[in-house]
């Protein structure tokens, strides 16, 4: 019985979550994040407009049977 209790204690201690303090060397500022998002949004808008225009310009009558 003693061995089971000792083994249980070792198991509990070994499974504890250790808190790690990770240092992030590059902490992006709010302005960096906003600039990246607006750049991506502009590219997405341009791609979407081109895709919609090319879809409606395509001749889809051949695909319908």
PDB file of N, CA and C in Angstrom:
ATOM      1  N   UNK A   1       0.827  -1.194   0.000  1.00  0.00           N
ATOM      2  CA  UNK A   1       0.000   0.000   0.000  1.00  0.00           C
ATOM      3  C   UNK A   1       0.870   1.257   0.000  1.00  0.00           C
ATOM      4  N   UNK A   2       1.995   1.184   0.723  1.00  0.00           N
ATOM      5  CA  UNK A   2       2.896   2.319   0.785  1.00  0.00           C
ATOM      6  C   UNK A   2       3.443   2.669  -0.602  1.00  0.00           C
ATOM      7  N   UNK A   3       3.767   1.630  -1.356  1.00  0.00           N
ATOM      8  CA  UNK A   3       4.337   1.852  -2.690  1.00  0.00           C
ATOM      9  C   UNK A   3       3.334   2.529  -3.618  1.00  0.00           C
ATOM     10  N   UNK A   4       2.066   2.168  -3.474  1.00  0.00           N
ATOM     11  CA  UNK A   4       1.020   2.777  -4.304  1.00  0.00           C
ATOM     12  C   UNK A   4       0.877   4.255  -3.972  1.00  0.00           C
ATOM     13  N   UNK A   5       0.895   4.582  -2.705  1.00  0.00           N
ATOM     14  CA  UNK A   5       0.763   5.980  -2.286  1.00  0.00           C
ATOM     15  C   UNK A   5       1.967   6.790  -2.761  1.00  0.00           C
ATOM     16  N   UNK A   6       3.159   6.246  -2.612  1.00  0.00           N
ATOM     17  CA  UNK A   6       4.362   6.956  -3.056  1.00  0.00           C
ATOM     18  C   UNK A   6       4.346   7.133  -4.567  1.00  0.00           C
ATOM     19  N   UNK A   7       3.961   6.081  -5.287  1.00  0.00           N
ATOM     20  CA  UNK A   7       3.884   6.177  -6.738  1.00  0.00           C
ATOM     21  C   UNK A   7       2.844   7.217  -7.157  1.00  0.00           C
ATOM     22  N   UNK A   8       1.724   7.282  -6.445  1.00  0.00           N
ATOM     23  CA  UNK A   8       0.683   8.261  -6.745  1.00  0.00           C
ATOM     24  C   UNK A   8       1.196   9.681  -6.517  1.00  0.00           C
ATOM     25  N   UNK A   9       1.927   9.879  -5.440  1.00  0.00           N
ATOM     26  CA  UNK A   9       2.482  11.208  -5.155  1.00  0.00           C
ATOM     27  C   UNK A   9       3.474  11.631  -6.233  1.00  0.00           C
ATOM     28  N   UNK A  10       4.327  10.711  -6.651  1.00  0.00           N
ATOM     29  CA  UNK A  10       5.267  11.030  -7.729  1.00  0.00           C
ATOM     30  C   UNK A  10       4.527  11.372  -9.018  1.00  0.00           C
ATOM     31  N   UNK A  11       3.476  10.632  -9.302  1.00  0.00           N
ATOM     32  CA  UNK A  11       2.689  10.887 -10.501  1.00  0.00           C
ATOM     33  C   UNK A  11       2.025  12.255 -10.450  1.00  0.00           C
ATOM     34  N   UNK A  12       1.462  12.599  -9.313  1.00  0.00           N
ATOM     35  CA  UNK A  12       0.795  13.895  -9.156  1.00  0.00           C
ATOM     36  C   UNK A  12       1.799  15.030  -9.294  1.00  0.00           C
ATOM     37  N   UNK A  13       2.955  14.881  -8.660  1.00  0.00           N
ATOM     38  CA  UNK A  13       3.977  15.934  -8.721  1.00  0.00           C
ATOM     39  C   UNK A  13       4.517  16.082 -10.142  1.00  0.00           C
ATOM     40  N   UNK A  14       4.707  14.993 -10.842  1.00  0.00           N
ATOM     41  CA  UNK A  14       5.276  15.067 -12.183  1.00  0.00           C
ATOM     42  C   UNK A  14       4.277  15.606 -13.204  1.00  0.00           C
ATOM     43  N   UNK A  15       2.991  15.511 -12.926  1.00  0.00           N
ATOM     44  CA  UNK A  15       1.978  15.981 -13.869  1.00  0.00           C
ATOM     45  C   UNK A  15       1.566  17.433 -13.635  1.00  0.00           C
ATOM     46  N   UNK A  16       2.145  18.074 -12.643  1.00  0.00           N
ATOM     47  CA  UNK A  16       1.816  19.473 -12.389  1.00  0.00           C
ATOM     48  C   UNK A  16       2.261  20.322 -13.560  1.00  0.00           C
ATOM     49  N   UNK A  17       1.468  21.338 -13.869  1.00  0.00           N
ATOM     50  CA  UNK A  17       1.839  22.264 -14.925  1.00  0.00           C
ATOM     51  C   UNK A  17       2.825  23.277 -14.378  1.00  0.00           C
ATOM     52  N   UNK A  18       3.956  23.351 -15.005  1.00  0.00           N
ATOM     53  CA  UNK A  18       4.953  24.336 -14.607  1.00  0.00           C
ATOM     54  C   UNK A  18       4.686  25.621 -15.379  1.00  0.00           C
ATOM     55  N   UNK A  19       4.681  26.712 -14.674  1.00  0.00           N
ATOM     56  CA  UNK A  19       4.448  28.004 -15.317  1.00  0.00           C
ATOM     57  C   UNK A  19       5.760  28.460 -15.938  1.00  0.00           C
ATOM     58  N   UNK A  20       5.699  28.732 -17.220  1.00  0.00           N
ATOM     59  CA  UNK A  20       6.888  29.170 -17.931  1.00  0.00           C
ATOM     60  C   UNK A  20       6.708  30.625 -18.329  1.00  0.00           C
ATOM     61  N   UNK A  21       7.692  31.388 -18.066  1.00  0.00           N
ATOM     62  CA  UNK A  21       7.679  32.788 -18.476  1.00  0.00           C
ATOM     63  C   UNK A  21       8.444  32.893 -19.784  1.00  0.00           C
ATOM     64  N   UNK A  22       7.697  32.954 -20.858  1.00  0.00           N
ATOM     65  CA  UNK A  22       8.320  33.066 -22.169  1.00  0.00           C
ATOM     66  C   UNK A  22       8.435  34.527 -22.541  1.00  0.00           C
ATOM     67  N   UNK A  23       9.566  34.878 -23.060  1.00  0.00           N
ATOM     68  CA  UNK A  23       9.804  36.252 -23.463  1.00  0.00           C
ATOM     69  C   UNK A  23       9.609  36.334 -24.972  1.00  0.00           C
ATOM     70  N   UNK A  24       8.694  37.166 -25.364  1.00  0.00           N
ATOM     71  CA  UNK A  24       8.448  37.384 -26.784  1.00  0.00           C
ATOM     72  C   UNK A  24       9.334  38.533 -27.232  1.00  0.00           C
ATOM     73  N   UNK A  25      10.245  38.252 -28.135  1.00  0.00           N
ATOM     74  CA  UNK A  25      11.193  39.274 -28.559  1.00  0.00           C
ATOM     75  C   UNK A  25      10.562  40.327 -29.458  1.00  0.00           C
ATOM     76  N   UNK A  26       9.505  39.945 -30.152  1.00  0.00           N
ATOM     77  CA  UNK A  26       8.857  40.895 -31.051  1.00  0.00           C
ATOM     78  C   UNK A  26       7.418  41.080 -30.585  1.00  0.00           C
ATOM     79  N   UNK A  27       7.183  42.126 -29.853  1.00  0.00           N
ATOM     80  CA  UNK A  27       5.830  42.453 -29.416  1.00  0.00           C
ATOM     81  C   UNK A  27       5.247  43.450 -30.399  1.00  0.00           C
ATOM     82  N   UNK A  28       4.362  43.003 -31.278  1.00  0.00           N
ATOM     83  CA  UNK A  28       3.806  43.946 -32.263  1.00  0.00           C
ATOM     84  C   UNK A  28       2.919  44.976 -31.577  1.00  0.00           C
ATOM     85  N   UNK A  29       3.016  46.187 -32.053  1.00  0.00           N
ATOM     86  CA  UNK A  29       2.185  47.246 -31.512  1.00  0.00           C
ATOM     87  C   UNK A  29       0.833  47.225 -32.207  1.00  0.00           C
ATOM     88  N   UNK A  30      -0.094  47.961 -31.679  1.00  0.00           N
ATOM     89  CA  UNK A  30      -1.439  48.026 -32.262  1.00  0.00           C
ATOM     90  C   UNK A  30      -1.376  48.595 -33.672  1.00  0.00           C
ATOM     91  N   UNK A  31      -0.516  49.581 -33.876  1.00  0.00           N
ATOM     92  CA  UNK A  31      -0.389  50.187 -35.211  1.00  0.00           C
ATOM     93  C   UNK A  31       0.130  49.185 -36.233  1.00  0.00           C
ATOM     94  N   UNK A  32       1.058  48.304 -35.826  1.00  0.00           N
ATOM     95  CA  UNK A  32       1.561  47.278 -36.735  1.00  0.00           C
ATOM     96  C   UNK A  32       0.449  46.322 -37.154  1.00  0.00           C
ATOM     97  N   UNK A  33      -0.359  45.923 -36.194  1.00  0.00           N
ATOM     98  CA  UNK A  33      -1.447  44.982 -36.464  1.00  0.00           C
ATOM     99  C   UNK A  33      -2.483  45.621 -37.376  1.00  0.00           C
ATOM    100  N   UNK A  34      -2.839  46.872 -37.120  1.00  0.00           N
ATOM    101  CA  UNK A  34      -3.827  47.568 -37.948  1.00  0.00           C
ATOM    102  C   UNK A  34      -3.300  47.744 -39.362  1.00  0.00           C
ATOM    103  N   UNK A  35      -2.023  48.085 -39.509  1.00  0.00           N
ATOM    104  CA  UNK A  35      -1.440  48.261 -40.839  1.00  0.00           C
ATOM    105  C   UNK A  35      -1.450  46.942 -41.605  1.00  0.00           C
ATOM    106  N   UNK A  36      -1.110  45.836 -40.939  1.00  0.00           N
ATOM    107  CA  UNK A  36      -1.122  44.536 -41.600  1.00  0.00           C
ATOM    108  C   UNK A  36      -2.532  44.136 -42.007  1.00  0.00           C
ATOM    109  N   UNK A  37      -3.512  44.379 -41.138  1.00  0.00           N
ATOM    110  CA  UNK A  37      -4.890  44.008 -41.437  1.00  0.00           C
ATOM    111  C   UNK A  37      -5.454  44.839 -42.582  1.00  0.00           C
ATOM    112  N   UNK A  38      -5.150  46.132 -42.617  1.00  0.00           N
ATOM    113  CA  UNK A  38      -5.691  46.971 -43.683  1.00  0.00           C
ATOM    114  C   UNK A  38      -5.049  46.607 -45.022  1.00  0.00           C
ATOM    115  N   UNK A  39      -3.786  46.246 -45.000  1.00  0.00           N
ATOM    116  CA  UNK A  39      -3.113  45.811 -46.229  1.00  0.00           C
ATOM    117  C   UNK A  39      -3.753  44.526 -46.753  1.00  0.00           C
ATOM    118  N   UNK A  40      -3.990  43.587 -45.864  1.00  0.00           N
ATOM    119  CA  UNK A  40      -4.612  42.328 -46.246  1.00  0.00           C
ATOM    120  C   UNK A  40      -6.042  42.517 -46.721  1.00  0.00           C
ATOM    121  N   UNK A  41      -6.762  43.436 -46.091  1.00  0.00           N
ATOM    122  CA  UNK A  41      -8.141  43.698 -46.483  1.00  0.00           C
ATOM    123  C   UNK A  41      -8.197  44.308 -47.879  1.00  0.00           C
ATOM    124  N   UNK A  42      -7.264  45.190 -48.189  1.00  0.00           N
ATOM    125  CA  UNK A  42      -7.241  45.807 -49.518  1.00  0.00           C
ATOM    126  C   UNK A  42      -6.942  44.752 -50.588  1.00  0.00           C
ATOM    127  N   UNK A  43      -5.999  43.867 -50.292  1.00  0.00           N
ATOM    128  CA  UNK A  43      -5.679  42.798 -51.251  1.00  0.00           C
ATOM    129  C   UNK A  43      -6.859  41.852 -51.426  1.00  0.00           C
ATOM    130  N   UNK A  44      -7.550  41.533 -50.340  1.00  0.00           N
ATOM    131  CA  UNK A  44      -8.705  40.638 -50.408  1.00  0.00           C
ATOM    132  C   UNK A  44      -9.834  41.273 -51.208  1.00  0.00           C
ATOM    133  N   UNK A  45     -10.042  42.567 -51.009  1.00  0.00           N
ATOM    134  CA  UNK A  45     -11.096  43.260 -51.749  1.00  0.00           C
ATOM    135  C   UNK A  45     -10.800  43.259 -53.245  1.00  0.00           C
ATOM    136  N   UNK A  46      -9.543  43.532 -53.599  1.00  0.00           N
ATOM    137  CA  UNK A  46      -9.153  43.545 -55.011  1.00  0.00           C
ATOM    138  C   UNK A  46      -9.339  42.158 -55.633  1.00  0.00           C
ATOM    139  N   UNK A  47      -8.920  41.107 -54.912  1.00  0.00           N
ATOM    140  CA  UNK A  47      -9.069  39.749 -55.427  1.00  0.00           C
ATOM    141  C   UNK A  47     -10.532  39.388 -55.602  1.00  0.00           C
ATOM    142  N   UNK A  48     -11.361  39.771 -54.632  1.00  0.00           N
ATOM    143  CA  UNK A  48     -12.784  39.458 -54.696  1.00  0.00           C
ATOM    144  C   UNK A  48     -13.446  40.150 -55.879  1.00  0.00           C
ATOM    145  N   UNK A  49     -13.130  41.422 -56.078  1.00  0.00           N
ATOM    146  CA  UNK A  49     -13.707  42.152 -57.214  1.00  0.00           C
ATOM    147  C   UNK A  49     -13.290  41.506 -58.528  1.00  0.00           C
ATOM    148  N   UNK A  50     -12.013  41.161 -58.669  1.00  0.00           N
ATOM    149  CA  UNK A  50     -11.544  40.527 -59.908  1.00  0.00           C
ATOM    150  C   UNK A  50     -12.205  39.165 -60.119  1.00  0.00           C
ATOM    151  N   UNK A  51     -12.386  38.406 -59.066  1.00  0.00           N
ATOM    152  CA  UNK A  51     -13.004  37.085 -59.184  1.00  0.00           C
ATOM    153  C   UNK A  51     -14.463  37.188 -59.615  1.00  0.00           C
ATOM    154  N   UNK A  52     -15.184  38.142 -59.053  1.00  0.00           N
ATOM    155  CA  UNK A  52     -16.592  38.311 -59.403  1.00  0.00           C
ATOM    156  C   UNK A  52     -16.729  38.758 -60.853  1.00  0.00           C
ATOM    157  N   UNK A  53     -15.909  39.708 -61.248  1.00  0.00           N
ATOM    158  CA  UNK A  53     -15.975  40.200 -62.630  1.00  0.00           C
ATOM    159  C   UNK A  53     -15.628  39.091 -63.602  1.00  0.00           C
ATOM    160  N   UNK A  54     -14.578  38.339 -63.342  1.00  0.00           N
ATOM    161  CA  UNK A  54     -14.184  37.277 -64.270  1.00  0.00           C
ATOM    162  C   UNK A  54     -15.217  36.149 -64.298  1.00  0.00           C
ATOM    163  N   UNK A  55     -15.903  35.904 -63.188  1.00  0.00           N
ATOM    164  CA  UNK A  55     -16.931  34.865 -63.155  1.00  0.00           C
ATOM    165  C   UNK A  55     -18.095  35.240 -64.068  1.00  0.00           C
ATOM    166  N   UNK A  56     -18.534  36.494 -64.009  1.00  0.00           N
ATOM    167  CA  UNK A  56     -19.676  36.888 -64.812  1.00  0.00           C
ATOM    168  C   UNK A  56     -19.309  37.147 -66.268  1.00  0.00           C
ATOM    169  N   UNK A  57     -18.030  37.366 -66.554  1.00  0.00           N
ATOM    170  CA  UNK A  57     -17.599  37.526 -67.937  1.00  0.00           C
ATOM    171  C   UNK A  57     -17.435  36.177 -68.632  1.00  0.00           C
ATOM    172  N   UNK A  58     -17.231  35.124 -67.874  1.00  0.00           N
ATOM    173  CA  UNK A  58     -16.985  33.804 -68.441  1.00  0.00           C
ATOM    174  C   UNK A  58     -18.244  33.288 -69.138  1.00  0.00           C
ATOM    175  N   UNK A  59     -18.040  32.533 -70.178  1.00  0.00           N
ATOM    176  CA  UNK A  59     -19.141  31.942 -70.923  1.00  0.00           C
ATOM    177  C   UNK A  59     -19.470  30.599 -70.277  1.00  0.00           C
ATOM    178  N   UNK A  60     -20.550  30.578 -69.520  1.00  0.00           N
ATOM    179  CA  UNK A  60     -20.916  29.348 -68.813  1.00  0.00           C
ATOM    180  C   UNK A  60     -21.949  28.536 -69.573  1.00  0.00           C
ATOM    181  N   UNK A  61     -22.314  28.963 -70.765  1.00  0.00           N
ATOM    182  CA  UNK A  61     -23.313  28.226 -71.529  1.00  0.00           C
ATOM    183  C   UNK A  61     -22.784  26.873 -71.975  1.00  0.00           C
ATOM    184  N   UNK A  62     -21.457  26.753 -72.147  1.00  0.00           N
ATOM    185  CA  UNK A  62     -20.879  25.472 -72.548  1.00  0.00           C
ATOM    186  C   UNK A  62     -20.890  24.458 -71.419  1.00  0.00           C
ATOM    187  N   UNK A  63     -20.886  24.911 -70.183  1.00  0.00           N
ATOM    188  CA  UNK A  63     -20.840  24.018 -69.049  1.00  0.00           C
ATOM    189  C   UNK A  63     -22.207  23.408 -68.723  1.00  0.00           C
ATOM    190  N   UNK A  64     -23.256  24.014 -69.192  1.00  0.00           N
ATOM    191  CA  UNK A  64     -24.607  23.516 -68.906  1.00  0.00           C
ATOM    192  C   UNK A  64     -25.007  22.508 -69.970  1.00  0.00           C
ATOM    193  N   UNK A  65     -25.413  21.345 -69.557  1.00  0.00           N
ATOM    194  CA  UNK A  65     -25.865  20.326 -70.528  1.00  0.00           C
ATOM    195  C   UNK A  65     -27.135  19.710 -70.060  1.00  0.00           C
TER     196      UNK A  65
END
